[in-house]
Amino acid sequence: MIVTKLVEADALIFPKGDVVDITRKRKSVDIQSEYLGFEYDWPVCIVRVLDSLRERFKLGPLYANRYPVAVGDRYRNHGGKCYAQRRQSLAQHHV
């Protein structure tokens, strides 16, 4: 999978240490039950690579406001915000 190779090469705009996991799961319900039922010490952003422009992904009401979902070109907006929140969170924990 190309995403795995990009993470291993540290070729993404966020550090590979910030990656929780890479999955092929597509359903939001599966993602929620596998990854979002935890308290993370940092802000978490879901980055999606789509196979189809018609693919829909919507988190349930419990998670929708807590976890931004970045898809394709929109990653620059959401992913950058998520990364900035993580840096701020780390700075607060080191004070």
C-alpha atoms as a PDB file:
ATOM      1  CA  MET A   1       0.000   0.000   0.000  1.00  0.00           C
ATOM      2  CA  ILE A   2       1.458   3.342  -1.013  1.00  0.00           C
ATOM      3  CA  VAL A   3       0.383   5.128   2.182  1.00  0.00           C
ATOM      4  CA  THR A   4       2.395   2.650   4.253  1.00  0.00           C
ATOM      5  CA  LYS A   5       5.468   3.298   2.104  1.00  0.00           C
ATOM      6  CA  LEU A   6       5.030   7.063   2.459  1.00  0.00           C
ATOM      7  CA  VAL A   7       4.750   6.772   6.250  1.00  0.00           C
ATOM      8  CA  GLU A   8       7.797   4.499   6.456  1.00  0.00           C
ATOM      9  CA  ALA A   9       9.803   6.974   4.347  1.00  0.00           C
ATOM     10  CA  ASP A  10       8.580   9.848   6.566  1.00  0.00           C
ATOM     11  CA  ALA A  11       7.429  11.526   3.342  1.00  0.00           C
ATOM     12  CA  LEU A  12       4.161  13.003   4.622  1.00  0.00           C
ATOM     13  CA  ILE A  13       3.544  16.484   6.016  1.00  0.00           C
ATOM     14  CA  PHE A  14       3.185  15.083   9.529  1.00  0.00           C
ATOM     15  CA  PRO A  15       5.743  12.973  11.431  1.00  0.00           C
ATOM     16  CA  LYS A  16       5.348   9.207  11.225  1.00  0.00           C
ATOM     17  CA  GLY A  17       5.378   9.108  15.032  1.00  0.00           C
ATOM     18  CA  ASP A  18       1.993  10.850  14.943  1.00  0.00           C
ATOM     19  CA  VAL A  19       0.365   8.056  12.920  1.00  0.00           C
ATOM     20  CA  VAL A  20      -1.825   5.856  15.130  1.00  0.00           C
ATOM     21  CA  ASP A  21      -2.499   3.265  12.432  1.00  0.00           C
ATOM     22  CA  ILE A  22      -3.152   2.673   8.751  1.00  0.00           C
ATOM     23  CA  THR A  23      -6.226   0.643   7.941  1.00  0.00           C
ATOM     24  CA  ARG A  24      -8.221  -0.478   4.960  1.00  0.00           C
ATOM     25  CA  LYS A  25     -11.484  -0.181   6.881  1.00  0.00           C
ATOM     26  CA  ARG A  26     -14.028   1.929   5.008  1.00  0.00           C
ATOM     27  CA  LYS A  27     -17.095   2.112   7.225  1.00  0.00           C
ATOM     28  CA  SER A  28     -17.206   4.899   9.771  1.00  0.00           C
ATOM     29  CA  VAL A  29     -18.765   2.516  12.312  1.00  0.00           C
ATOM     30  CA  ASP A  30     -15.730   0.219  12.054  1.00  0.00           C
ATOM     31  CA  ILE A  31     -13.300   3.139  12.418  1.00  0.00           C
ATOM     32  CA  GLN A  32     -15.218   4.454  15.433  1.00  0.00           C
ATOM     33  CA  SER A  33     -15.241   1.119  17.270  1.00  0.00           C
ATOM     34  CA  GLU A  34     -11.602   0.309  16.469  1.00  0.00           C
ATOM     35  CA  TYR A  35      -9.911   3.694  17.040  1.00  0.00           C
ATOM     36  CA  LEU A  36     -12.129   6.391  18.522  1.00  0.00           C
ATOM     37  CA  GLY A  37     -13.346   4.844  21.764  1.00  0.00           C
ATOM     38  CA  PHE A  38     -10.144   5.920  23.551  1.00  0.00           C
ATOM     39  CA  GLU A  39      -8.845   9.014  25.293  1.00  0.00           C
ATOM     40  CA  TYR A  40      -5.804  10.140  23.319  1.00  0.00           C
ATOM     41  CA  ASP A  41      -3.243  12.490  24.886  1.00  0.00           C
ATOM     42  CA  TRP A  42      -3.199  14.507  21.671  1.00  0.00           C
ATOM     43  CA  PRO A  43      -5.709  15.695  19.071  1.00  0.00           C
ATOM     44  CA  VAL A  44      -6.519  13.005  16.521  1.00  0.00           C
ATOM     45  CA  CYS A  45      -7.344  13.696  12.890  1.00  0.00           C
ATOM     46  CA  ILE A  46      -8.650  11.057  10.492  1.00  0.00           C
ATOM     47  CA  VAL A  47      -6.991  11.264   7.080  1.00  0.00           C
ATOM     48  CA  ARG A  48      -8.770   9.381   4.301  1.00  0.00           C
ATOM     49  CA  VAL A  49      -7.627   8.372   0.848  1.00  0.00           C
ATOM     50  CA  LEU A  50     -10.616   7.747  -1.387  1.00  0.00           C
ATOM     51  CA  ASP A  51     -10.992   5.362  -4.299  1.00  0.00           C
ATOM     52  CA  SER A  52     -14.181   7.014  -5.482  1.00  0.00           C
ATOM     53  CA  LEU A  53     -15.531  10.549  -5.538  1.00  0.00           C
ATOM     54  CA  ARG A  54     -18.927   9.194  -4.515  1.00  0.00           C
ATOM     55  CA  GLU A  55     -17.672   7.509  -1.362  1.00  0.00           C
ATOM     56  CA  ARG A  56     -19.317   8.899   1.761  1.00  0.00           C
ATOM     57  CA  PHE A  57     -17.856   8.835   5.251  1.00  0.00           C
ATOM     58  CA  LYS A  58     -19.657  10.330   8.194  1.00  0.00           C
ATOM     59  CA  LEU A  59     -18.834   9.896  11.853  1.00  0.00           C
ATOM     60  CA  GLY A  60     -21.640   9.455  14.343  1.00  0.00           C
ATOM     61  CA  PRO A  61     -22.774  12.370  16.521  1.00  0.00           C
ATOM     62  CA  LEU A  62     -20.592  11.301  19.454  1.00  0.00           C
ATOM     63  CA  TYR A  63     -17.415  11.607  17.372  1.00  0.00           C
ATOM     64  CA  ALA A  64     -18.194  14.132  14.626  1.00  0.00           C
ATOM     65  CA  ASN A  65     -17.153  17.229  16.595  1.00  0.00           C
ATOM     66  CA  ARG A  66     -14.174  15.614  18.321  1.00  0.00           C
ATOM     67  CA  TYR A  67     -12.366  14.166  15.305  1.00  0.00           C
ATOM     68  CA  PRO A  68     -11.861  16.143  12.095  1.00  0.00           C
ATOM     69  CA  VAL A  69     -11.934  14.075   8.915  1.00  0.00           C
ATOM     70  CA  ALA A  70      -9.587  15.185   6.165  1.00  0.00           C
ATOM     71  CA  VAL A  71     -10.099  13.832   2.652  1.00  0.00           C
ATOM     72  CA  GLY A  72      -7.808  14.501  -0.304  1.00  0.00           C
ATOM     73  CA  ASP A  73      -7.132  18.207  -0.884  1.00  0.00           C
ATOM     74  CA  ARG A  74      -9.029  19.145   2.256  1.00  0.00           C
ATOM     75  CA  TYR A  75      -6.187  17.641   4.354  1.00  0.00           C
ATOM     76  CA  ARG A  76      -4.286  20.882   4.078  1.00  0.00           C
ATOM     77  CA  ASN A  77      -7.043  22.640   6.024  1.00  0.00           C
ATOM     78  CA  HIS A  78      -7.989  19.967   8.566  1.00  0.00           C
ATOM     79  CA  GLY A  79      -4.648  18.197   8.833  1.00  0.00           C
ATOM     80  CA  GLY A  80      -2.722  21.397   9.438  1.00  0.00           C
ATOM     81  CA  LYS A  81      -5.207  22.394  12.125  1.00  0.00           C
ATOM     82  CA  CYS A  82      -4.964  18.957  13.711  1.00  0.00           C
ATOM     83  CA  TYR A  83      -1.158  19.074  13.692  1.00  0.00           C
ATOM     84  CA  ALA A  84      -1.166  22.563  15.234  1.00  0.00           C
ATOM     85  CA  GLN A  85      -3.483  21.319  18.000  1.00  0.00           C
ATOM     86  CA  ARG A  86      -1.136  18.399  18.668  1.00  0.00           C
ATOM     87  CA  ARG A  87       1.882  20.695  18.953  1.00  0.00           C
ATOM     88  CA  GLN A  88      -0.029  22.960  21.331  1.00  0.00           C
ATOM     89  CA  SER A  89      -1.117  19.960  23.416  1.00  0.00           C
ATOM     90  CA  LEU A  90       2.476  18.680  23.648  1.00  0.00           C
ATOM     91  CA  ALA A  91       3.721  22.124  24.683  1.00  0.00           C
ATOM     92  CA  GLN A  92       1.140  22.287  27.481  1.00  0.00           C
ATOM     93  CA  HIS A  93       2.148  18.853  28.811  1.00  0.00           C
ATOM     94  CA  HIS A  94       5.836  19.818  28.945  1.00  0.00           C
ATOM     95  CA  VAL A  95       5.238  22.971  31.011  1.00  0.00           C
END
